[in-house]
């Protein structure tokens, strides 16, 4: 599997001769050269994780591509052909297996209503929790770990990585941090990954990891 990190929370997974896109949102530049698109996964409805412009562009190049997302996205993205998924669901799409975990976005503040969020496990290997600390409770080869957000406290992010204990990890969801902030938080997640003898990889937008 080849995993490419794009700006903020957007991820491109390539395997089985196909491509899976996760969370192309408003902080992400237009995705180019997306070949053999198998599906799109949106973890929740916040605009930094999806935008109509991204979906329209991707679907224009690959009409009929299935989109998978929780109920909140189905409501927010009215008019797009989205298949609703929830924690506990599993499915296959053009070679990829998808399993969904969690169910709820991390709390930002008591004044802000709670929304749905799903973490996704791809091919029983790669896991991305969306905006949550949902631990899948299975072995994870590659973890995309959130690095910075209004809801994220670095101690909780460290505990999340310790709980998942991945063989490989890299940071995502990072556009809210300065360059110095990213470096500081990455060091903390690198330490957490190493506690289970895993390897932490520093990926900038456009960088890829093959595992």
Foldseek 3Di string as FASTA:
>chain_A
DKWAAFAFFWIWDDDPNAIEIWFCADRGDADPPHPRHFAYEFFAQDRSRDDPVNVVVVCVVPPPREYEYAPRNCVVVPPDRYDHDAAQDWDDTNHKIKHWHDFWAADLDPVDDITTGIWIDIPVEEIEGGRDLTAPPGAYAEYAFEQDDSRDDLVSSLVSLLRNLYQEYEYHNDPVDDPVSSVVSQVSNQVSNCVSPHGYDYHDHGDMDDD
